[in-house]
Amino acid sequence: MADFGPVTCAGCGLLCDDVTVERPNGDVRLQPPCRLGVQWFSERLRRPAPAPATISGQPADVQTALTRAAGLLRRSRRPLLYGFEAATVEDARAAVALADRLEALIATESVSASWPGAPAVPLR
């Protein structure tokens, strides 16, 4: 029995969209079998749990942290949304919508890695 699927695998350029994933005993098995797909899913399924929310280094509940973050973003003059190297399409859509609303600049890991000064360049 599959743990989840069918899903799209990004383990290589084929982007197979008929993959089911099983995790017996913590191992990753795919149908259809694929060495690259197993490696790709294994890396993603091993990610650590997100860090707990904090405010000024002190533990905080998630709602309080989100409220504080929203306030900081509302008061900012030129926010920079950075990262997104592991973002899904849904994540990217949400980030772009937020950037539009805040008139923010988005910088990804791929841009700043190849051009270290990219986040410092004013675009407007």
PDB file of N, CA and C in Angstrom:
ATOM      1  N   MET A   1       0.843  -1.191   0.000  1.00  0.00           N
ATOM      2  CA  MET A   1       0.000   0.000   0.000  1.00  0.00           C
ATOM      3  C   MET A   1       0.882   1.247   0.000  1.00  0.00           C
ATOM      4  N   ALA A   2       0.600   2.184  -0.870  1.00  0.00           N
ATOM      5  CA  ALA A   2       1.399   3.403  -0.997  1.00  0.00           C
ATOM      6  C   ALA A   2       1.135   4.341   0.178  1.00  0.00           C
ATOM      7  N   ASP A   3       2.206   4.994   0.667  1.00  0.00           N
ATOM      8  CA  ASP A   3       2.048   6.015   1.697  1.00  0.00           C
ATOM      9  C   ASP A   3       1.448   7.278   1.095  1.00  0.00           C
ATOM     10  N   PHE A   4       1.890   7.623  -0.126  1.00  0.00           N
ATOM     11  CA  PHE A   4       1.276   8.727  -0.850  1.00  0.00           C
ATOM     12  C   PHE A   4       1.585   8.613  -2.333  1.00  0.00           C
ATOM     13  N   GLY A   5       0.770   9.271  -3.122  1.00  0.00           N
ATOM     14  CA  GLY A   5       0.938   9.236  -4.564  1.00  0.00           C
ATOM     15  C   GLY A   5      -0.397   9.014  -5.239  1.00  0.00           C
ATOM     16  N   PRO A   6      -0.462   9.139  -6.527  1.00  0.00           N
ATOM     17  CA  PRO A   6       0.657   9.458  -7.405  1.00  0.00           C
ATOM     18  C   PRO A   6       1.101  10.907  -7.234  1.00  0.00           C
ATOM     19  N   VAL A   7       2.427  11.103  -7.326  1.00  0.00           N
ATOM     20  CA  VAL A   7       3.038  12.421  -7.208  1.00  0.00           C
ATOM     21  C   VAL A   7       4.058  12.592  -8.326  1.00  0.00           C
ATOM     22  N   THR A   8       4.475  13.831  -8.533  1.00  0.00           N
ATOM     23  CA  THR A   8       5.518  14.111  -9.516  1.00  0.00           C
ATOM     24  C   THR A   8       6.875  14.054  -8.833  1.00  0.00           C
ATOM     25  N   CYS A   9       7.799  13.360  -9.455  1.00  0.00           N
ATOM     26  CA  CYS A   9       9.161  13.221  -8.935  1.00  0.00           C
ATOM     27  C   CYS A   9      10.077  14.175  -9.694  1.00  0.00           C
ATOM     28  N   ALA A  10      10.882  14.934  -8.968  1.00  0.00           N
ATOM     29  CA  ALA A  10      11.846  15.847  -9.595  1.00  0.00           C
ATOM     30  C   ALA A  10      13.271  15.331  -9.440  1.00  0.00           C
ATOM     31  N   GLY A  11      13.421  14.027  -9.332  1.00  0.00           N
ATOM     32  CA  GLY A  11      14.740  13.429  -9.177  1.00  0.00           C
ATOM     33  C   GLY A  11      15.604  13.553 -10.415  1.00  0.00           C
ATOM     34  N   CYS A  12      14.998  13.784 -11.564  1.00  0.00           N
ATOM     35  CA  CYS A  12      15.743  13.997 -12.805  1.00  0.00           C
ATOM     36  C   CYS A  12      14.877  14.865 -13.720  1.00  0.00           C
ATOM     37  N   GLY A  13      15.288  15.052 -14.919  1.00  0.00           N
ATOM     38  CA  GLY A  13      14.570  15.909 -15.850  1.00  0.00           C
ATOM     39  C   GLY A  13      13.311  15.305 -16.451  1.00  0.00           C
ATOM     40  N   LEU A  14      13.037  14.033 -16.203  1.00  0.00           N
ATOM     41  CA  LEU A  14      11.846  13.414 -16.787  1.00  0.00           C
ATOM     42  C   LEU A  14      10.557  13.850 -16.103  1.00  0.00           C
ATOM     43  N   LEU A  15      10.618  14.234 -14.833  1.00  0.00           N
ATOM     44  CA  LEU A  15       9.450  14.668 -14.060  1.00  0.00           C
ATOM     45  C   LEU A  15       8.301  13.668 -14.151  1.00  0.00           C
ATOM     46  N   CYS A  16       8.583  12.424 -13.824  1.00  0.00           N
ATOM     47  CA  CYS A  16       7.552  11.377 -13.843  1.00  0.00           C
ATOM     48  C   CYS A  16       6.420  11.778 -12.911  1.00  0.00           C
ATOM     49  N   ASP A  17       5.180  11.720 -13.406  1.00  0.00           N
ATOM     50  CA  ASP A  17       4.044  12.157 -12.597  1.00  0.00           C
ATOM     51  C   ASP A  17       3.146  11.011 -12.149  1.00  0.00           C
ATOM     52  N   ASP A  18       3.660   9.803 -12.210  1.00  0.00           N
ATOM     53  CA  ASP A  18       2.870   8.633 -11.829  1.00  0.00           C
ATOM     54  C   ASP A  18       3.540   7.837 -10.712  1.00  0.00           C
ATOM     55  N   VAL A  19       4.318   8.505  -9.886  1.00  0.00           N
ATOM     56  CA  VAL A  19       5.122   7.833  -8.865  1.00  0.00           C
ATOM     57  C   VAL A  19       4.321   7.691  -7.574  1.00  0.00           C
ATOM     58  N   THR A  20       4.346   6.497  -7.001  1.00  0.00           N
ATOM     59  CA  THR A  20       3.807   6.286  -5.660  1.00  0.00           C
ATOM     60  C   THR A  20       4.973   5.982  -4.727  1.00  0.00           C
ATOM     61  N   VAL A  21       4.860   6.463  -3.504  1.00  0.00           N
ATOM     62  CA  VAL A  21       5.946   6.356  -2.531  1.00  0.00           C
ATOM     63  C   VAL A  21       5.495   5.499  -1.362  1.00  0.00           C
ATOM     64  N   GLU A  22       6.334   4.536  -1.003  1.00  0.00           N
ATOM     65  CA  GLU A  22       6.114   3.701   0.177  1.00  0.00           C
ATOM     66  C   GLU A  22       7.301   3.885   1.105  1.00  0.00           C
ATOM     67  N   ARG A  23       7.054   3.815   2.420  1.00  0.00           N
ATOM     68  CA  ARG A  23       8.135   3.968   3.395  1.00  0.00           C
ATOM     69  C   ARG A  23       8.117   2.834   4.413  1.00  0.00           C
ATOM     70  N   PRO A  24       8.339   1.600   3.982  1.00  0.00           N
ATOM     71  CA  PRO A  24       8.397   0.512   4.958  1.00  0.00           C
ATOM     72  C   PRO A  24       9.674   0.625   5.792  1.00  0.00           C
ATOM     73  N   ASN A  25       9.538   0.574   7.096  1.00  0.00           N
ATOM     74  CA  ASN A  25      10.695   0.632   8.004  1.00  0.00           C
ATOM     75  C   ASN A  25      11.551   1.879   7.792  1.00  0.00           C
ATOM     76  N   GLY A  26      10.971   2.967   7.313  1.00  0.00           N
ATOM     77  CA  GLY A  26      11.721   4.200   7.108  1.00  0.00           C
ATOM     78  C   GLY A  26      12.448   4.288   5.781  1.00  0.00           C
ATOM     79  N   ASP A  27      12.562   3.171   5.052  1.00  0.00           N
ATOM     80  CA  ASP A  27      13.188   3.190   3.730  1.00  0.00           C
ATOM     81  C   ASP A  27      12.201   3.749   2.718  1.00  0.00           C
ATOM     82  N   VAL A  28      12.718   4.333   1.652  1.00  0.00           N
ATOM     83  CA  VAL A  28      11.857   4.858   0.591  1.00  0.00           C
ATOM     84  C   VAL A  28      11.874   3.882  -0.574  1.00  0.00           C
ATOM     85  N   ARG A  29      10.680   3.486  -1.008  1.00  0.00           N
ATOM     86  CA  ARG A  29      10.530   2.650  -2.203  1.00  0.00           C
ATOM     87  C   ARG A  29       9.536   3.327  -3.131  1.00  0.00           C
ATOM     88  N   LEU A  30       9.835   3.272  -4.414  1.00  0.00           N
ATOM     89  CA  LEU A  30       8.980   3.911  -5.412  1.00  0.00           C
ATOM     90  C   LEU A  30       8.418   2.891  -6.377  1.00  0.00           C
ATOM     91  N   GLN A  31       7.243   3.199  -6.888  1.00  0.00           N
ATOM     92  CA  GLN A  31       6.674   2.473  -8.015  1.00  0.00           C
ATOM     93  C   GLN A  31       6.352   3.511  -9.070  1.00  0.00           C
ATOM     94  N   PRO A  32       6.875   3.427 -10.240  1.00  0.00           N
ATOM     95  CA  PRO A  32       7.870   2.470 -10.705  1.00  0.00           C
ATOM     96  C   PRO A  32       9.217   2.718 -10.026  1.00  0.00           C
ATOM     97  N   PRO A  33      10.031   1.663  -9.871  1.00  0.00           N
ATOM     98  CA  PRO A  33      11.326   1.800  -9.197  1.00  0.00           C
ATOM     99  C   PRO A  33      12.259   2.745  -9.955  1.00  0.00           C
ATOM    100  N   CYS A  34      13.005   3.567  -9.200  1.00  0.00           N
ATOM    101  CA  CYS A  34      13.948   4.504  -9.821  1.00  0.00           C
ATOM    102  C   CYS A  34      14.982   4.916  -8.780  1.00  0.00           C
ATOM    103  N   ARG A  35      16.242   4.711  -9.075  1.00  0.00           N
ATOM    104  CA  ARG A  35      17.327   5.046  -8.148  1.00  0.00           C
ATOM    105  C   ARG A  35      17.382   6.554  -7.880  1.00  0.00           C
ATOM    106  N   LEU A  36      17.268   7.372  -8.929  1.00  0.00           N
ATOM    107  CA  LEU A  36      17.324   8.824  -8.754  1.00  0.00           C
ATOM    108  C   LEU A  36      16.128   9.335  -7.954  1.00  0.00           C
ATOM    109  N   GLY A  37      14.966   8.762  -8.217  1.00  0.00           N
ATOM    110  CA  GLY A  37      13.772   9.153  -7.480  1.00  0.00           C
ATOM    111  C   GLY A  37      13.867   8.800  -6.005  1.00  0.00           C
ATOM    112  N   VAL A  38      14.389   7.611  -5.702  1.00  0.00           N
ATOM    113  CA  VAL A  38      14.559   7.204  -4.304  1.00  0.00           C
ATOM    114  C   VAL A  38      15.485   8.186  -3.590  1.00  0.00           C
ATOM    115  N   GLN A  39      16.578   8.565  -4.234  1.00  0.00           N
ATOM    116  CA  GLN A  39      17.515   9.514  -3.631  1.00  0.00           C
ATOM    117  C   GLN A  39      16.829  10.859  -3.389  1.00  0.00           C
ATOM    118  N   TRP A  40      16.084  11.346  -4.375  1.00  0.00           N
ATOM    119  CA  TRP A  40      15.431  12.649  -4.271  1.00  0.00           C
ATOM    120  C   TRP A  40      14.397  12.653  -3.147  1.00  0.00           C
ATOM    121  N   PHE A  41      13.502  11.642  -3.109  1.00  0.00           N
ATOM    122  CA  PHE A  41      12.488  11.584  -2.059  1.00  0.00           C
ATOM    123  C   PHE A  41      13.115  11.357  -0.693  1.00  0.00           C
ATOM    124  N   SER A  42      14.156  10.539  -0.612  1.00  0.00           N
ATOM    125  CA  SER A  42      14.819  10.278   0.672  1.00  0.00           C
ATOM    126  C   SER A  42      15.364  11.567   1.274  1.00  0.00           C
ATOM    127  N   GLU A  43      15.986  12.395   0.454  1.00  0.00           N
ATOM    128  CA  GLU A  43      16.531  13.664   0.944  1.00  0.00           C
ATOM    129  C   GLU A  43      15.427  14.572   1.462  1.00  0.00           C
ATOM    130  N   ARG A  44      14.297  14.624   0.790  1.00  0.00           N
ATOM    131  CA  ARG A  44      13.219  15.500   1.208  1.00  0.00           C
ATOM    132  C   ARG A  44      12.479  14.978   2.427  1.00  0.00           C
ATOM    133  N   LEU A  45      12.359  13.682   2.545  1.00  0.00           N
ATOM    134  CA  LEU A  45      11.638  13.113   3.683  1.00  0.00           C
ATOM    135  C   LEU A  45      12.481  13.089   4.951  1.00  0.00           C
ATOM    136  N   ARG A  46      13.792  13.320   4.841  1.00  0.00           N
ATOM    137  CA  ARG A  46      14.684  13.357   6.010  1.00  0.00           C
ATOM    138  C   ARG A  46      14.810  14.753   6.600  1.00  0.00           C
ATOM    139  N   ARG A  47      14.192  15.728   6.030  1.00  0.00           N
ATOM    140  CA  ARG A  47      14.342  17.098   6.524  1.00  0.00           C
ATOM    141  C   ARG A  47      13.922  17.178   7.989  1.00  0.00           C
ATOM    142  N   PRO A  48      14.651  17.949   8.774  1.00  0.00           N
ATOM    143  CA  PRO A  48      14.289  18.083  10.188  1.00  0.00           C
ATOM    144  C   PRO A  48      12.993  18.872  10.347  1.00  0.00           C
ATOM    145  N   ALA A  49      12.374  18.693  11.486  1.00  0.00           N
ATOM    146  CA  ALA A  49      11.155  19.440  11.790  1.00  0.00           C
ATOM    147  C   ALA A  49      11.493  20.929  11.850  1.00  0.00           C
ATOM    148  N   PRO A  50      10.537  21.782  11.507  1.00  0.00           N
ATOM    149  CA  PRO A  50      10.809  23.216  11.566  1.00  0.00           C
ATOM    150  C   PRO A  50      11.174  23.643  12.989  1.00  0.00           C
ATOM    151  N   ALA A  51      11.997  24.651  13.078  1.00  0.00           N
ATOM    152  CA  ALA A  51      12.384  25.183  14.386  1.00  0.00           C
ATOM    153  C   ALA A  51      11.170  25.818  15.058  1.00  0.00           C
ATOM    154  N   PRO A  52      11.139  25.809  16.378  1.00  0.00           N
ATOM    155  CA  PRO A  52      10.013  26.452  17.061  1.00  0.00           C
ATOM    156  C   PRO A  52      10.046  27.959  16.822  1.00  0.00           C
ATOM    157  N   ALA A  53       8.896  28.580  16.938  1.00  0.00           N
ATOM    158  CA  ALA A  53       8.806  30.028  16.745  1.00  0.00           C
ATOM    159  C   ALA A  53       9.481  30.745  17.911  1.00  0.00           C
ATOM    160  N   THR A  54      10.164  31.843  17.602  1.00  0.00           N
ATOM    161  CA  THR A  54      10.784  32.676  18.637  1.00  0.00           C
ATOM    162  C   THR A  54      10.576  34.146  18.305  1.00  0.00           C
ATOM    163  N   ILE A  55      10.594  34.962  19.339  1.00  0.00           N
ATOM    164  CA  ILE A  55      10.583  36.419  19.197  1.00  0.00           C
ATOM    165  C   ILE A  55      11.740  36.929  20.043  1.00  0.00           C
ATOM    166  N   SER A  56      12.680  37.602  19.413  1.00  0.00           N
ATOM    167  CA  SER A  56      13.884  38.096  20.096  1.00  0.00           C
ATOM    168  C   SER A  56      14.597  36.975  20.842  1.00  0.00           C
ATOM    169  N   GLY A  57      14.627  35.793  20.233  1.00  0.00           N
ATOM    170  CA  GLY A  57      15.331  34.661  20.810  1.00  0.00           C
ATOM    171  C   GLY A  57      14.575  33.902  21.880  1.00  0.00           C
ATOM    172  N   GLN A  58      13.383  34.353  22.223  1.00  0.00           N
ATOM    173  CA  GLN A  58      12.588  33.689  23.258  1.00  0.00           C
ATOM    174  C   GLN A  58      11.467  32.884  22.606  1.00  0.00           C
ATOM    175  N   PRO A  59      11.162  31.687  23.135  1.00  0.00           N
ATOM    176  CA  PRO A  59      10.086  30.870  22.555  1.00  0.00           C
ATOM    177  C   PRO A  59       8.759  31.634  22.529  1.00  0.00           C
ATOM    178  N   ALA A  60       8.006  31.428  21.468  1.00  0.00           N
ATOM    179  CA  ALA A  60       6.697  32.069  21.322  1.00  0.00           C
ATOM    180  C   ALA A  60       5.772  31.109  20.596  1.00  0.00           C
ATOM    181  N   ASP A  61       4.467  31.247  20.830  1.00  0.00           N
ATOM    182  CA  ASP A  61       3.540  30.410  20.073  1.00  0.00           C
ATOM    183  C   ASP A  61       3.484  30.936  18.641  1.00  0.00           C
ATOM    184  N   VAL A  62       3.090  30.076  17.730  1.00  0.00           N
ATOM    185  CA  VAL A  62       3.138  30.398  16.302  1.00  0.00           C
ATOM    186  C   VAL A  62       2.279  31.611  15.970  1.00  0.00           C
ATOM    187  N   GLN A  63       1.073  31.701  16.528  1.00  0.00           N
ATOM    188  CA  GLN A  63       0.185  32.820  16.208  1.00  0.00           C
ATOM    189  C   GLN A  63       0.795  34.152  16.630  1.00  0.00           C
ATOM    190  N   THR A  64       1.398  34.194  17.805  1.00  0.00           N
ATOM    191  CA  THR A  64       2.043  35.426  18.270  1.00  0.00           C
ATOM    192  C   THR A  64       3.206  35.801  17.354  1.00  0.00           C
ATOM    193  N   ALA A  65       3.998  34.814  16.958  1.00  0.00           N
ATOM    194  CA  ALA A  65       5.134  35.070  16.062  1.00  0.00           C
ATOM    195  C   ALA A  65       4.657  35.569  14.702  1.00  0.00           C
ATOM    196  N   LEU A  66       3.580  34.980  14.172  1.00  0.00           N
ATOM    197  CA  LEU A  66       3.047  35.433  12.884  1.00  0.00           C
ATOM    198  C   LEU A  66       2.509  36.857  12.973  1.00  0.00           C
ATOM    199  N   THR A  67       1.833  37.169  14.063  1.00  0.00           N
ATOM    200  CA  THR A  67       1.313  38.525  14.258  1.00  0.00           C
ATOM    201  C   THR A  67       2.457  39.529  14.315  1.00  0.00           C
ATOM    202  N   ARG A  68       3.510  39.177  15.028  1.00  0.00           N
ATOM    203  CA  ARG A  68       4.687  40.059  15.120  1.00  0.00           C
ATOM    204  C   ARG A  68       5.341  40.234  13.749  1.00  0.00           C
ATOM    205  N   ALA A  69       5.499  39.136  13.002  1.00  0.00           N
ATOM    206  CA  ALA A  69       6.110  39.204  11.671  1.00  0.00           C
ATOM    207  C   ALA A  69       5.270  40.067  10.732  1.00  0.00           C
ATOM    208  N   ALA A  70       3.947  39.912  10.793  1.00  0.00           N
ATOM    209  CA  ALA A  70       3.066  40.716   9.938  1.00  0.00           C
ATOM    210  C   ALA A  70       3.217  42.197  10.257  1.00  0.00           C
ATOM    211  N   GLY A  71       3.325  42.534  11.535  1.00  0.00           N
ATOM    212  CA  GLY A  71       3.518  43.927  11.928  1.00  0.00           C
ATOM    213  C   GLY A  71       4.835  44.491  11.417  1.00  0.00           C
ATOM    214  N   LEU A  72       5.895  43.702  11.531  1.00  0.00           N
ATOM    215  CA  LEU A  72       7.200  44.144  11.022  1.00  0.00           C
ATOM    216  C   LEU A  72       7.151  44.376   9.515  1.00  0.00           C
ATOM    217  N   LEU A  73       6.497  43.475   8.792  1.00  0.00           N
ATOM    218  CA  LEU A  73       6.397  43.629   7.337  1.00  0.00           C
ATOM    219  C   LEU A  73       5.561  44.844   6.955  1.00  0.00           C
ATOM    220  N   ARG A  74       4.452  45.075   7.679  1.00  0.00           N
ATOM    221  CA  ARG A  74       3.605  46.236   7.374  1.00  0.00           C
ATOM    222  C   ARG A  74       4.363  47.551   7.569  1.00  0.00           C
ATOM    223  N   ARG A  75       5.225  47.603   8.568  1.00  0.00           N
ATOM    224  CA  ARG A  75       5.960  48.839   8.865  1.00  0.00           C
ATOM    225  C   ARG A  75       7.236  48.996   8.040  1.00  0.00           C
ATOM    226  N   SER A  76       7.626  47.978   7.321  1.00  0.00           N
ATOM    227  CA  SER A  76       8.880  48.050   6.566  1.00  0.00           C
ATOM    228  C   SER A  76       8.711  48.939   5.333  1.00  0.00           C
ATOM    229  N   ARG A  77       9.808  49.575   4.932  1.00  0.00           N
ATOM    230  CA  ARG A  77       9.761  50.449   3.759  1.00  0.00           C
ATOM    231  C   ARG A  77      10.134  49.708   2.486  1.00  0.00           C
ATOM    232  N   ARG A  78      11.061  48.779   2.569  1.00  0.00           N
ATOM    233  CA  ARG A  78      11.522  48.067   1.371  1.00  0.00           C
ATOM    234  C   ARG A  78      11.938  46.651   1.756  1.00  0.00           C
ATOM    235  N   PRO A  79      10.961  45.794   2.044  1.00  0.00           N
ATOM    236  CA  PRO A  79      11.317  44.447   2.496  1.00  0.00           C
ATOM    237  C   PRO A  79      11.939  43.605   1.383  1.00  0.00           C
ATOM    238  N   LEU A  80      12.755  42.676   1.809  1.00  0.00           N
ATOM    239  CA  LEU A  80      13.381  41.711   0.907  1.00  0.00           C
ATOM    240  C   LEU A  80      12.913  40.328   1.322  1.00  0.00           C
ATOM    241  N   LEU A  81      12.281  39.618   0.409  1.00  0.00           N
ATOM    242  CA  LEU A  81      11.906  38.226   0.647  1.00  0.00           C
ATOM    243  C   LEU A  81      12.997  37.378   0.025  1.00  0.00           C
ATOM    244  N   TYR A  82      13.650  36.571   0.855  1.00  0.00           N
ATOM    245  CA  TYR A  82      14.847  35.870   0.408  1.00  0.00           C
ATOM    246  C   TYR A  82      14.730  34.371   0.660  1.00  0.00           C
ATOM    247  N   GLY A  83      15.354  33.599  -0.203  1.00  0.00           N
ATOM    248  CA  GLY A  83      15.406  32.150  -0.024  1.00  0.00           C
ATOM    249  C   GLY A  83      14.669  31.455  -1.147  1.00  0.00           C
ATOM    250  N   PHE A  84      13.751  30.607  -0.774  1.00  0.00           N
ATOM    251  CA  PHE A  84      12.867  29.905  -1.706  1.00  0.00           C
ATOM    252  C   PHE A  84      13.570  28.892  -2.589  1.00  0.00           C
ATOM    253  N   GLU A  85      14.810  28.485  -2.236  1.00  0.00           N
ATOM    254  CA  GLU A  85      15.504  27.515  -3.081  1.00  0.00           C
ATOM    255  C   GLU A  85      14.804  26.161  -3.093  1.00  0.00           C
ATOM    256  N   ALA A  86      14.040  25.847  -2.071  1.00  0.00           N
ATOM    257  CA  ALA A  86      13.323  24.574  -2.035  1.00  0.00           C
ATOM    258  C   ALA A  86      11.816  24.797  -2.125  1.00  0.00           C
ATOM    259  N   ALA A  87      11.407  25.941  -2.648  1.00  0.00           N
ATOM    260  CA  ALA A  87       9.991  26.289  -2.696  1.00  0.00           C
ATOM    261  C   ALA A  87       9.238  25.464  -3.731  1.00  0.00           C
ATOM    262  N   THR A  88       8.010  25.137  -3.385  1.00  0.00           N
ATOM    263  CA  THR A  88       7.113  24.509  -4.348  1.00  0.00           C
ATOM    264  C   THR A  88       6.478  25.615  -5.192  1.00  0.00           C
ATOM    265  N   VAL A  89       5.734  25.229  -6.201  1.00  0.00           N
ATOM    266  CA  VAL A  89       5.022  26.217  -7.018  1.00  0.00           C
ATOM    267  C   VAL A  89       4.054  27.005  -6.138  1.00  0.00           C
ATOM    268  N   GLU A  90       3.375  26.315  -5.231  1.00  0.00           N
ATOM    269  CA  GLU A  90       2.433  26.981  -4.333  1.00  0.00           C
ATOM    270  C   GLU A  90       3.156  27.982  -3.434  1.00  0.00           C
ATOM    271  N   ASP A  91       4.335  27.587  -2.917  1.00  0.00           N
ATOM    272  CA  ASP A  91       5.140  28.495  -2.093  1.00  0.00           C
ATOM    273  C   ASP A  91       5.519  29.742  -2.888  1.00  0.00           C
ATOM    274  N   ALA A  92       5.971  29.540  -4.120  1.00  0.00           N
ATOM    275  CA  ALA A  92       6.398  30.659  -4.960  1.00  0.00           C
ATOM    276  C   ALA A  92       5.229  31.595  -5.257  1.00  0.00           C
ATOM    277  N   ARG A  93       4.060  31.039  -5.528  1.00  0.00           N
ATOM    278  CA  ARG A  93       2.879  31.883  -5.780  1.00  0.00           C
ATOM    279  C   ARG A  93       2.557  32.738  -4.564  1.00  0.00           C
ATOM    280  N   ALA A  94       2.591  32.125  -3.382  1.00  0.00           N
ATOM    281  CA  ALA A  94       2.304  32.869  -2.153  1.00  0.00           C
ATOM    282  C   ALA A  94       3.353  33.953  -1.923  1.00  0.00           C
ATOM    283  N   ALA A  95       4.624  33.644  -2.174  1.00  0.00           N
ATOM    284  CA  ALA A  95       5.700  34.624  -1.985  1.00  0.00           C
ATOM    285  C   ALA A  95       5.543  35.797  -2.942  1.00  0.00           C
ATOM    286  N   VAL A  96       5.216  35.520  -4.192  1.00  0.00           N
ATOM    287  CA  VAL A  96       5.041  36.596  -5.176  1.00  0.00           C
ATOM    288  C   VAL A  96       3.827  37.447  -4.817  1.00  0.00           C
ATOM    289  N   ALA A  97       2.745  36.824  -4.369  1.00  0.00           N
ATOM    290  CA  ALA A  97       1.562  37.585  -3.957  1.00  0.00           C
ATOM    291  C   ALA A  97       1.897  38.492  -2.772  1.00  0.00           C
ATOM    292  N   LEU A  98       2.648  37.962  -1.807  1.00  0.00           N
ATOM    293  CA  LEU A  98       3.058  38.770  -0.659  1.00  0.00           C
ATOM    294  C   LEU A  98       3.984  39.902  -1.099  1.00  0.00           C
ATOM    295  N   ALA A  99       4.923  39.607  -1.980  1.00  0.00           N
ATOM    296  CA  ALA A  99       5.844  40.636  -2.474  1.00  0.00           C
ATOM    297  C   ALA A  99       5.087  41.738  -3.211  1.00  0.00           C
ATOM    298  N   ASP A 100       4.105  41.373  -4.010  1.00  0.00           N
ATOM    299  CA  ASP A 100       3.289  42.375  -4.705  1.00  0.00           C
ATOM    300  C   ASP A 100       2.578  43.274  -3.702  1.00  0.00           C
ATOM    301  N   ARG A 101       2.017  42.656  -2.677  1.00  0.00           N
ATOM    302  CA  ARG A 101       1.268  43.409  -1.678  1.00  0.00           C
ATOM    303  C   ARG A 101       2.162  44.365  -0.885  1.00  0.00           C
ATOM    304  N   LEU A 102       3.388  43.918  -0.611  1.00  0.00           N
ATOM    305  CA  LEU A 102       4.320  44.715   0.191  1.00  0.00           C
ATOM    306  C   LEU A 102       5.234  45.600  -0.648  1.00  0.00           C
ATOM    307  N   GLU A 103       5.136  45.489  -1.982  1.00  0.00           N
ATOM    308  CA  GLU A 103       6.085  46.138  -2.890  1.00  0.00           C
ATOM    309  C   GLU A 103       7.507  45.742  -2.506  1.00  0.00           C
ATOM    310  N   ALA A 104       7.693  44.455  -2.311  1.00  0.00           N
ATOM    311  CA  ALA A 104       8.969  43.904  -1.848  1.00  0.00           C
ATOM    312  C   ALA A 104       9.784  43.360  -3.011  1.00  0.00           C
ATOM    313  N   LEU A 105      11.052  43.180  -2.748  1.00  0.00           N
ATOM    314  CA  LEU A 105      11.967  42.551  -3.688  1.00  0.00           C
ATOM    315  C   LEU A 105      12.103  41.086  -3.300  1.00  0.00           C
ATOM    316  N   ILE A 106      12.104  40.200  -4.280  1.00  0.00           N
ATOM    317  CA  ILE A 106      12.335  38.781  -4.030  1.00  0.00           C
ATOM    318  C   ILE A 106      13.714  38.430  -4.569  1.00  0.00           C
ATOM    319  N   ALA A 107      14.502  37.760  -3.754  1.00  0.00           N
ATOM    320  CA  ALA A 107      15.808  37.259  -4.190  1.00  0.00           C
ATOM    321  C   ALA A 107      15.872  35.780  -3.850  1.00  0.00           C
ATOM    322  N   THR A 108      16.286  34.988  -4.797  1.00  0.00           N
ATOM    323  CA  THR A 108      16.407  33.552  -4.553  1.00  0.00           C
ATOM    324  C   THR A 108      17.862  33.182  -4.348  1.00  0.00           C
ATOM    325  N   GLU A 109      18.085  32.008  -3.816  1.00  0.00           N
ATOM    326  CA  GLU A 109      19.443  31.510  -3.599  1.00  0.00           C
ATOM    327  C   GLU A 109      20.211  31.460  -4.913  1.00  0.00           C
ATOM    328  N   SER A 110      19.548  31.076  -5.995  1.00  0.00           N
ATOM    329  CA  SER A 110      20.247  30.952  -7.276  1.00  0.00           C
ATOM    330  C   SER A 110      20.730  32.306  -7.793  1.00  0.00           C
ATOM    331  N   VAL A 111      19.969  33.362  -7.543  1.00  0.00           N
ATOM    332  CA  VAL A 111      20.384  34.695  -7.984  1.00  0.00           C
ATOM    333  C   VAL A 111      21.557  35.182  -7.158  1.00  0.00           C
ATOM    334  N   SER A 112      21.450  35.084  -5.836  1.00  0.00           N
ATOM    335  CA  SER A 112      22.497  35.645  -4.981  1.00  0.00           C
ATOM    336  C   SER A 112      23.770  34.819  -5.012  1.00  0.00           C
ATOM    337  N   ALA A 113      23.684  33.522  -5.304  1.00  0.00           N
ATOM    338  CA  ALA A 113      24.888  32.697  -5.368  1.00  0.00           C
ATOM    339  C   ALA A 113      25.735  33.076  -6.577  1.00  0.00           C
ATOM    340  N   SER A 114      25.097  33.351  -7.697  1.00  0.00           N
ATOM    341  CA  SER A 114      25.853  33.689  -8.898  1.00  0.00           C
ATOM    342  C   SER A 114      26.206  35.177  -8.966  1.00  0.00           C
ATOM    343  N   TRP A 115      25.496  36.003  -8.212  1.00  0.00           N
ATOM    344  CA  TRP A 115      25.735  37.440  -8.221  1.00  0.00           C
ATOM    345  C   TRP A 115      25.560  37.957  -6.794  1.00  0.00           C
ATOM    346  N   PRO A 116      26.596  37.895  -5.960  1.00  0.00           N
ATOM    347  CA  PRO A 116      26.475  38.192  -4.533  1.00  0.00           C
ATOM    348  C   PRO A 116      25.884  39.560  -4.218  1.00  0.00           C
ATOM    349  N   GLY A 117      26.014  40.525  -5.105  1.00  0.00           N
ATOM    350  CA  GLY A 117      25.475  41.852  -4.840  1.00  0.00           C
ATOM    351  C   GLY A 117      24.015  42.005  -5.197  1.00  0.00           C
ATOM    352  N   ALA A 118      23.385  40.976  -5.723  1.00  0.00           N
ATOM    353  CA  ALA A 118      22.008  41.085  -6.212  1.00  0.00           C
ATOM    354  C   ALA A 118      21.033  41.629  -5.175  1.00  0.00           C
ATOM    355  N   PRO A 119      21.026  41.157  -3.928  1.00  0.00           N
ATOM    356  CA  PRO A 119      20.045  41.682  -2.981  1.00  0.00           C
ATOM    357  C   PRO A 119      20.231  43.163  -2.664  1.00  0.00           C
ATOM    358  N   ALA A 120      21.405  43.716  -2.914  1.00  0.00           N
ATOM    359  CA  ALA A 120      21.659  45.115  -2.581  1.00  0.00           C
ATOM    360  C   ALA A 120      21.319  46.071  -3.720  1.00  0.00           C
ATOM    361  N   VAL A 121      20.976  45.566  -4.881  1.00  0.00           N
ATOM    362  CA  VAL A 121      20.709  46.420  -6.036  1.00  0.00           C
ATOM    363  C   VAL A 121      19.273  46.925  -5.983  1.00  0.00           C
ATOM    364  N   PRO A 122      19.049  48.245  -5.924  1.00  0.00           N
ATOM    365  CA  PRO A 122      17.681  48.758  -5.943  1.00  0.00           C
ATOM    366  C   PRO A 122      17.084  48.605  -7.339  1.00  0.00           C
ATOM    367  N   LEU A 123      15.918  47.985  -7.415  1.00  0.00           N
ATOM    368  CA  LEU A 123      15.301  47.754  -8.715  1.00  0.00           C
ATOM    369  C   LEU A 123      14.194  48.745  -9.037  1.00  0.00           C
ATOM    370  N   ARG A 124      13.788  49.571  -8.093  1.00  0.00           N
ATOM    371  CA  ARG A 124      12.736  50.558  -8.372  1.00  0.00           C
ATOM    372  C   ARG A 124      13.204  51.935  -8.009  1.00  0.00           C
TER     373      ARG A 124
END
